[in-house]
Amino acid sequence: MENTDSNKHLVTLKEYGKNIQRLALHISEIEDRDKRTQSVYTLVELVKQLNPQMKAENDQKIWDDLHIMSGFKLDVDGPYPKPAEDVLFRKPKIVGYPKGEVRFKHYGRNIEKLIEKAIEIEDDEEQEAAIIYIGQLMRSFHSTWNRDNFDDQIILDDIKTLSRGKLHIDLEKVREMGLFETNTRRDFKLPSEPESSSNNNRRKYSSNNNNNDRRRNGGHSKKRR
């Protein structure tokens, strides 16, 4: 290959390496169009062999990158249209950010989204379970932000504010059952947990524990034959 000035310029796409760029430049200088096209197809397969992580959906990217590495001089009959030359100078699209200010920054926007979803729940039990889950999250966030001054009433007031008064749960019930405490066993019935099954499991668990206690207090039990 001739050591022309065009071969001396810097590597355009470093992830492919200098040799692939040199081959792309060399192919662009082949006079016969059919041979040029055949050669670039071979180069595409070579790139895929050197980069086995590239899948079939990366083919267009490889073709576009070869056009770029050749300085857009690669005039061939490829499977994809030649990319515009200004593609390298286009500014990326501005990423859209959520509009509107977060009402309580220590909770974050995701809590507001969860509350919006909870408002849409029509079943009363499912909505209460959602409120309890949200309350537990809010309590954990609030305790991180302010460990000294805390009460479940604060969480309920914030839920009422964020839901525009559409979400309600009894304060005494929350305090008595510790519903907003994440480490507290939940005895309320979730929508997906049948009440009879839940109660039976709790009675079975309690009965087994009592039997085990009696065996331990009465000494070693004999093994059954």
C-alpha atoms as a PDB file:
ATOM      1  CA  MET A   1       0.000   0.000   0.000  1.00  0.00           C
ATOM      2  CA  GLU A   2       1.230   3.435  -0.869  1.00  0.00           C
ATOM      3  CA  ASN A   3       2.147   5.638   1.995  1.00  0.00           C
ATOM      4  CA  THR A   4       0.026   8.611   0.894  1.00  0.00           C
ATOM      5  CA  ASP A   5      -0.853  11.630   2.943  1.00  0.00           C
ATOM      6  CA  SER A   6      -4.364  10.327   3.394  1.00  0.00           C
ATOM      7  CA  ASN A   7      -2.987   7.236   5.138  1.00  0.00           C
ATOM      8  CA  LYS A   8      -1.046   9.323   7.621  1.00  0.00           C
ATOM      9  CA  HIS A   9      -3.947  11.100   9.270  1.00  0.00           C
ATOM     10  CA  LEU A  10      -5.074  10.199  12.733  1.00  0.00           C
ATOM     11  CA  VAL A  11      -7.276   7.181  13.425  1.00  0.00           C
ATOM     12  CA  THR A  12     -10.871   8.360  13.207  1.00  0.00           C
ATOM     13  CA  LEU A  13     -12.523   5.538  15.172  1.00  0.00           C
ATOM     14  CA  LYS A  14      -9.953   4.127  17.585  1.00  0.00           C
ATOM     15  CA  GLU A  15     -12.093   1.122  18.563  1.00  0.00           C
ATOM     16  CA  TYR A  16     -11.425  -0.406  15.137  1.00  0.00           C
ATOM     17  CA  GLY A  17      -7.713   0.277  15.074  1.00  0.00           C
ATOM     18  CA  LYS A  18      -5.306   1.737  12.534  1.00  0.00           C
ATOM     19  CA  ASN A  19      -5.208  -1.298  10.203  1.00  0.00           C
ATOM     20  CA  ILE A  20      -8.970  -1.386   9.600  1.00  0.00           C
ATOM     21  CA  GLN A  21      -8.905   2.311   8.766  1.00  0.00           C
ATOM     22  CA  ARG A  22      -6.027   1.776   6.334  1.00  0.00           C
ATOM     23  CA  LEU A  23      -7.957  -1.020   4.622  1.00  0.00           C
ATOM     24  CA  ALA A  24     -11.056   1.176   4.343  1.00  0.00           C
ATOM     25  CA  LEU A  25      -8.955   3.932   2.764  1.00  0.00           C
ATOM     26  CA  HIS A  26      -7.261   1.462   0.416  1.00  0.00           C
ATOM     27  CA  ILE A  27     -10.622   0.018  -0.731  1.00  0.00           C
ATOM     28  CA  SER A  28     -11.959   3.513  -1.416  1.00  0.00           C
ATOM     29  CA  GLU A  29      -9.079   3.997  -3.892  1.00  0.00           C
ATOM     30  CA  ILE A  30      -9.778   0.826  -5.920  1.00  0.00           C
ATOM     31  CA  GLU A  31     -10.871   1.933  -9.401  1.00  0.00           C
ATOM     32  CA  ASP A  32     -13.127  -0.995 -10.294  1.00  0.00           C
ATOM     33  CA  ARG A  33     -16.500  -0.520  -8.575  1.00  0.00           C
ATOM     34  CA  ASP A  34     -17.397  -4.228  -8.434  1.00  0.00           C
ATOM     35  CA  LYS A  35     -14.040  -5.109  -6.936  1.00  0.00           C
ATOM     36  CA  ARG A  36     -14.368  -2.196  -4.517  1.00  0.00           C
ATOM     37  CA  THR A  37     -17.786  -3.419  -3.412  1.00  0.00           C
ATOM     38  CA  GLN A  38     -16.600  -7.011  -3.033  1.00  0.00           C
ATOM     39  CA  SER A  39     -13.617  -5.864  -0.994  1.00  0.00           C
ATOM     40  CA  VAL A  40     -15.691  -3.827   1.429  1.00  0.00           C
ATOM     41  CA  TYR A  41     -18.042  -6.786   2.045  1.00  0.00           C
ATOM     42  CA  THR A  42     -14.963  -8.832   2.911  1.00  0.00           C
ATOM     43  CA  LEU A  43     -13.777  -6.075   5.248  1.00  0.00           C
ATOM     44  CA  VAL A  44     -17.127  -6.024   7.038  1.00  0.00           C
ATOM     45  CA  GLU A  45     -16.834  -9.770   7.712  1.00  0.00           C
ATOM     46  CA  LEU A  46     -13.266  -9.260   8.925  1.00  0.00           C
ATOM     47  CA  VAL A  47     -14.425  -6.591  11.377  1.00  0.00           C
ATOM     48  CA  LYS A  48     -17.099  -8.972  12.705  1.00  0.00           C
ATOM     49  CA  GLN A  49     -14.532 -11.735  13.172  1.00  0.00           C
ATOM     50  CA  LEU A  50     -12.212  -9.401  15.048  1.00  0.00           C
ATOM     51  CA  ASN A  51     -15.145  -8.214  17.177  1.00  0.00           C
ATOM     52  CA  PRO A  52     -17.251 -11.342  17.918  1.00  0.00           C
ATOM     53  CA  GLN A  53     -19.416  -9.359  20.340  1.00  0.00           C
ATOM     54  CA  MET A  54     -20.936  -7.531  17.380  1.00  0.00           C
ATOM     55  CA  LYS A  55     -24.243  -9.067  16.325  1.00  0.00           C
ATOM     56  CA  ALA A  56     -26.185  -8.911  13.077  1.00  0.00           C
ATOM     57  CA  GLU A  57     -27.958  -5.721  14.159  1.00  0.00           C
ATOM     58  CA  ASN A  58     -24.549  -4.000  14.241  1.00  0.00           C
ATOM     59  CA  ASP A  59     -24.051  -4.412  10.490  1.00  0.00           C
ATOM     60  CA  GLN A  60     -25.317  -0.952   9.609  1.00  0.00           C
ATOM     61  CA  LYS A  61     -23.080   0.597  12.258  1.00  0.00           C
ATOM     62  CA  ILE A  62     -20.057  -1.194  10.766  1.00  0.00           C
ATOM     63  CA  TRP A  63     -20.903   0.044   7.270  1.00  0.00           C
ATOM     64  CA  ASP A  64     -21.435   3.589   8.533  1.00  0.00           C
ATOM     65  CA  ASP A  65     -18.149   3.496  10.430  1.00  0.00           C
ATOM     66  CA  LEU A  66     -16.252   2.270   7.364  1.00  0.00           C
ATOM     67  CA  HIS A  67     -17.646   5.218   5.399  1.00  0.00           C
ATOM     68  CA  ILE A  68     -16.480   7.533   8.170  1.00  0.00           C
ATOM     69  CA  MET A  69     -13.002   5.962   8.342  1.00  0.00           C
ATOM     70  CA  SER A  70     -12.608   6.330   4.579  1.00  0.00           C
ATOM     71  CA  GLY A  71     -13.370  10.020   4.803  1.00  0.00           C
ATOM     72  CA  PHE A  72     -16.739   9.343   3.080  1.00  0.00           C
ATOM     73  CA  LYS A  73     -14.867   8.335  -0.099  1.00  0.00           C
ATOM     74  CA  LEU A  74     -16.164   4.752  -0.042  1.00  0.00           C
ATOM     75  CA  ASP A  75     -18.357   4.652  -3.159  1.00  0.00           C
ATOM     76  CA  VAL A  76     -19.793   1.110  -3.167  1.00  0.00           C
ATOM     77  CA  ASP A  77     -23.066  -0.768  -3.617  1.00  0.00           C
ATOM     78  CA  GLY A  78     -23.703  -1.466   0.057  1.00  0.00           C
ATOM     79  CA  PRO A  79     -26.864  -2.672   1.807  1.00  0.00           C
ATOM     80  CA  TYR A  80     -27.331   0.644   3.607  1.00  0.00           C
ATOM     81  CA  PRO A  81     -27.364   4.252   2.411  1.00  0.00           C
ATOM     82  CA  LYS A  82     -24.195   6.239   2.837  1.00  0.00           C
ATOM     83  CA  PRO A  83     -24.382   8.369   6.011  1.00  0.00           C
ATOM     84  CA  ALA A  84     -24.394  12.143   5.699  1.00  0.00           C
ATOM     85  CA  GLU A  85     -20.972  13.704   6.098  1.00  0.00           C
ATOM     86  CA  ASP A  86     -22.176  16.100   8.776  1.00  0.00           C
ATOM     87  CA  VAL A  87     -22.953  13.147  11.074  1.00  0.00           C
ATOM     88  CA  LEU A  88     -19.639  13.735  12.865  1.00  0.00           C
ATOM     89  CA  PHE A  89     -20.500  17.357  13.625  1.00  0.00           C
ATOM     90  CA  ARG A  90     -24.097  16.974  14.730  1.00  0.00           C
ATOM     91  CA  LYS A  91     -24.748  17.907  18.325  1.00  0.00           C
ATOM     92  CA  PRO A  92     -26.452  15.228  20.399  1.00  0.00           C
ATOM     93  CA  LYS A  93     -30.101  15.757  21.179  1.00  0.00           C
ATOM     94  CA  ILE A  94     -30.807  17.499  24.441  1.00  0.00           C
ATOM     95  CA  VAL A  95     -31.944  15.020  27.070  1.00  0.00           C
ATOM     96  CA  GLY A  96     -35.328  15.935  28.386  1.00  0.00           C
ATOM     97  CA  TYR A  97     -35.622  16.349  32.126  1.00  0.00           C
ATOM     98  CA  PRO A  98     -38.847  16.067  34.109  1.00  0.00           C
ATOM     99  CA  LYS A  99     -40.592  19.389  34.321  1.00  0.00           C
ATOM    100  CA  GLY A 100     -41.894  20.786  37.548  1.00  0.00           C
ATOM    101  CA  GLU A 101     -40.311  21.114  40.951  1.00  0.00           C
ATOM    102  CA  VAL A 102     -40.301  18.193  43.384  1.00  0.00           C
ATOM    103  CA  ARG A 103     -42.549  19.143  46.309  1.00  0.00           C
ATOM    104  CA  PHE A 104     -40.539  17.285  48.958  1.00  0.00           C
ATOM    105  CA  LYS A 105     -36.957  16.809  47.755  1.00  0.00           C
ATOM    106  CA  HIS A 106     -36.039  14.364  50.541  1.00  0.00           C
ATOM    107  CA  TYR A 107     -38.611  11.919  49.117  1.00  0.00           C
ATOM    108  CA  GLY A 108     -37.750  12.393  45.459  1.00  0.00           C
ATOM    109  CA  ARG A 109     -39.900  12.324  42.335  1.00  0.00           C
ATOM    110  CA  ASN A 110     -40.402   8.541  42.373  1.00  0.00           C
ATOM    111  CA  ILE A 111     -42.516   8.813  45.528  1.00  0.00           C
ATOM    112  CA  GLU A 112     -44.745  11.306  43.719  1.00  0.00           C
ATOM    113  CA  LYS A 113     -45.109   8.854  40.836  1.00  0.00           C
ATOM    114  CA  LEU A 114     -46.005   6.021  43.229  1.00  0.00           C
ATOM    115  CA  ILE A 115     -48.654   8.207  44.841  1.00  0.00           C
ATOM    116  CA  GLU A 116     -50.117   9.041  41.434  1.00  0.00           C
ATOM    117  CA  LYS A 117     -50.365   5.304  40.692  1.00  0.00           C
ATOM    118  CA  ALA A 118     -51.930   4.606  44.090  1.00  0.00           C
ATOM    119  CA  ILE A 119     -54.624   7.211  43.427  1.00  0.00           C
ATOM    120  CA  GLU A 120     -55.669   5.235  40.330  1.00  0.00           C
ATOM    121  CA  ILE A 121     -56.230   1.983  42.294  1.00  0.00           C
ATOM    122  CA  GLU A 122     -59.956   1.331  42.639  1.00  0.00           C
ATOM    123  CA  ASP A 123     -59.881  -1.584  45.108  1.00  0.00           C
ATOM    124  CA  ASP A 124     -59.817  -0.223  48.685  1.00  0.00           C
ATOM    125  CA  GLU A 125     -57.622  -3.017  50.100  1.00  0.00           C
ATOM    126  CA  GLU A 126     -55.100  -2.761  47.277  1.00  0.00           C
ATOM    127  CA  GLN A 127     -54.992   1.001  47.662  1.00  0.00           C
ATOM    128  CA  GLU A 128     -54.399   0.693  51.420  1.00  0.00           C
ATOM    129  CA  ALA A 129     -51.578  -1.799  50.802  1.00  0.00           C
ATOM    130  CA  ALA A 130     -50.074   0.716  48.352  1.00  0.00           C
ATOM    131  CA  ILE A 131     -50.364   3.536  50.907  1.00  0.00           C
ATOM    132  CA  ILE A 132     -48.607   1.403  53.540  1.00  0.00           C
ATOM    133  CA  TYR A 133     -45.807   0.529  51.128  1.00  0.00           C
ATOM    134  CA  ILE A 134     -45.380   4.198  50.194  1.00  0.00           C
ATOM    135  CA  GLY A 135     -45.478   5.188  53.862  1.00  0.00           C
ATOM    136  CA  GLN A 136     -42.676   2.741  54.667  1.00  0.00           C
ATOM    137  CA  LEU A 137     -40.530   4.195  51.880  1.00  0.00           C
ATOM    138  CA  MET A 138     -41.255   7.750  52.982  1.00  0.00           C
ATOM    139  CA  ARG A 139     -40.433   6.934  56.588  1.00  0.00           C
ATOM    140  CA  SER A 140     -37.051   5.456  55.595  1.00  0.00           C
ATOM    141  CA  PHE A 141     -36.257   8.536  53.472  1.00  0.00           C
ATOM    142  CA  HIS A 142     -37.476  10.930  56.158  1.00  0.00           C
ATOM    143  CA  SER A 143     -35.470   9.251  58.934  1.00  0.00           C
ATOM    144  CA  THR A 144     -32.325   9.593  56.824  1.00  0.00           C
ATOM    145  CA  TRP A 145     -33.012  13.291  56.308  1.00  0.00           C
ATOM    146  CA  ASN A 146     -34.196  14.105  59.833  1.00  0.00           C
ATOM    147  CA  ARG A 147     -33.599  11.566  62.632  1.00  0.00           C
ATOM    148  CA  ASP A 148     -34.765  13.706  65.564  1.00  0.00           C
ATOM    149  CA  ASN A 149     -38.232  15.063  64.829  1.00  0.00           C
ATOM    150  CA  PHE A 150     -40.354  12.228  63.461  1.00  0.00           C
ATOM    151  CA  ASP A 151     -43.931  11.012  63.773  1.00  0.00           C
ATOM    152  CA  ASP A 152     -46.261   8.955  61.575  1.00  0.00           C
ATOM    153  CA  GLN A 153     -48.510  12.009  61.440  1.00  0.00           C
ATOM    154  CA  ILE A 154     -45.818  13.749  59.364  1.00  0.00           C
ATOM    155  CA  ILE A 155     -45.879  10.950  56.784  1.00  0.00           C
ATOM    156  CA  LEU A 156     -49.674  10.976  56.622  1.00  0.00           C
ATOM    157  CA  ASP A 157     -49.732  14.751  56.203  1.00  0.00           C
ATOM    158  CA  ASP A 158     -47.198  14.509  53.372  1.00  0.00           C
ATOM    159  CA  ILE A 159     -49.175  11.728  51.668  1.00  0.00           C
ATOM    160  CA  LYS A 160     -52.311  13.842  51.932  1.00  0.00           C
ATOM    161  CA  THR A 161     -50.501  16.841  50.453  1.00  0.00           C
ATOM    162  CA  LEU A 162     -48.900  14.922  47.578  1.00  0.00           C
ATOM    163  CA  SER A 163     -52.139  13.082  46.743  1.00  0.00           C
ATOM    164  CA  ARG A 164     -54.181  16.285  46.963  1.00  0.00           C
ATOM    165  CA  GLY A 165     -56.262  14.690  49.709  1.00  0.00           C
ATOM    166  CA  LYS A 166     -57.147  11.562  47.697  1.00  0.00           C
ATOM    167  CA  LEU A 167     -55.265   8.989  49.805  1.00  0.00           C
ATOM    168  CA  HIS A 168     -56.344   8.245  53.381  1.00  0.00           C
ATOM    169  CA  ILE A 169     -55.421   5.792  56.139  1.00  0.00           C
ATOM    170  CA  ASP A 170     -56.269   5.892  59.850  1.00  0.00           C
ATOM    171  CA  LEU A 171     -53.455   7.318  61.985  1.00  0.00           C
ATOM    172  CA  GLU A 172     -54.279   5.192  65.027  1.00  0.00           C
ATOM    173  CA  LYS A 173     -54.213   2.046  62.912  1.00  0.00           C
ATOM    174  CA  VAL A 174     -50.816   3.002  61.554  1.00  0.00           C
ATOM    175  CA  ARG A 175     -49.412   3.666  65.027  1.00  0.00           C
ATOM    176  CA  GLU A 176     -50.979   0.638  66.717  1.00  0.00           C
ATOM    177  CA  MET A 177     -49.869  -1.869  64.062  1.00  0.00           C
ATOM    178  CA  GLY A 178     -46.610  -0.104  63.187  1.00  0.00           C
ATOM    179  CA  LEU A 179     -47.567  -0.194  59.525  1.00  0.00           C
ATOM    180  CA  PHE A 180     -44.940   2.299  58.424  1.00  0.00           C
ATOM    181  CA  GLU A 181     -42.088   0.435  60.140  1.00  0.00           C
ATOM    182  CA  THR A 182     -40.220  -1.563  57.496  1.00  0.00           C
ATOM    183  CA  ASN A 183     -38.911  -4.116  60.007  1.00  0.00           C
ATOM    184  CA  THR A 184     -42.334  -4.826  61.485  1.00  0.00           C
ATOM    185  CA  ARG A 185     -44.168  -8.014  60.565  1.00  0.00           C
ATOM    186  CA  ARG A 186     -47.205  -7.119  58.484  1.00  0.00           C
ATOM    187  CA  ASP A 187     -50.406  -8.737  59.799  1.00  0.00           C
ATOM    188  CA  PHE A 188     -52.689  -6.918  57.392  1.00  0.00           C
ATOM    189  CA  LYS A 189     -53.964  -8.858  54.376  1.00  0.00           C
ATOM    190  CA  LEU A 190     -52.460  -8.028  51.015  1.00  0.00           C
ATOM    191  CA  PRO A 191     -54.747  -8.296  47.977  1.00  0.00           C
ATOM    192  CA  SER A 192     -52.835 -11.346  46.723  1.00  0.00           C
ATOM    193  CA  GLU A 193     -52.933 -13.112  50.134  1.00  0.00           C
ATOM    194  CA  PRO A 194     -56.259 -14.859  50.988  1.00  0.00           C
ATOM    195  CA  GLU A 195     -57.264 -14.176  54.591  1.00  0.00           C
ATOM    196  CA  SER A 196     -58.112 -17.771  55.430  1.00  0.00           C
ATOM    197  CA  SER A 197     -54.761 -19.037  54.155  1.00  0.00           C
ATOM    198  CA  SER A 198     -52.886 -16.312  56.036  1.00  0.00           C
ATOM    199  CA  ASN A 199     -54.700 -17.037  59.334  1.00  0.00           C
ATOM    200  CA  ASN A 200     -54.227 -20.809  58.969  1.00  0.00           C
ATOM    201  CA  ASN A 201     -50.507 -20.383  58.376  1.00  0.00           C
ATOM    202  CA  ARG A 202     -50.174 -18.159  61.458  1.00  0.00           C
ATOM    203  CA  ARG A 203     -52.126 -20.657  63.652  1.00  0.00           C
ATOM    204  CA  LYS A 204     -50.018 -23.556  62.333  1.00  0.00           C
ATOM    205  CA  TYR A 205     -46.825 -21.611  63.019  1.00  0.00           C
ATOM    206  CA  SER A 206     -47.961 -20.766  66.575  1.00  0.00           C
ATOM    207  CA  SER A 207     -49.041 -24.370  67.293  1.00  0.00           C
ATOM    208  CA  ASN A 208     -45.737 -25.814  66.110  1.00  0.00           C
ATOM    209  CA  ASN A 209     -43.810 -23.384  68.295  1.00  0.00           C
ATOM    210  CA  ASN A 210     -45.883 -24.298  71.383  1.00  0.00           C
ATOM    211  CA  ASN A 211     -45.332 -28.043  70.821  1.00  0.00           C
ATOM    212  CA  ASN A 212     -41.594 -27.513  70.445  1.00  0.00           C
ATOM    213  CA  ASP A 213     -41.515 -25.548  73.717  1.00  0.00           C
ATOM    214  CA  ARG A 214     -43.327 -28.350  75.606  1.00  0.00           C
ATOM    215  CA  ARG A 215     -40.878 -30.955  74.289  1.00  0.00           C
ATOM    216  CA  ARG A 216     -37.902 -28.860  75.381  1.00  0.00           C
ATOM    217  CA  ASN A 217     -39.345 -28.272  78.872  1.00  0.00           C
ATOM    218  CA  GLY A 218     -40.290 -31.940  79.389  1.00  0.00           C
ATOM    219  CA  GLY A 219     -36.902 -33.345  78.523  1.00  0.00           C
ATOM    220  CA  HIS A 220     -35.707 -35.400  75.551  1.00  0.00           C
ATOM    221  CA  SER A 221     -38.459 -36.998  73.568  1.00  0.00           C
ATOM    222  CA  LYS A 222     -38.205 -40.654  72.535  1.00  0.00           C
ATOM    223  CA  LYS A 223     -37.629 -41.441  68.922  1.00  0.00           C
ATOM    224  CA  ARG A 224     -40.448 -43.133  67.085  1.00  0.00           C
ATOM    225  CA  ARG A 225     -39.814 -46.547  65.640  1.00  0.00           C
END
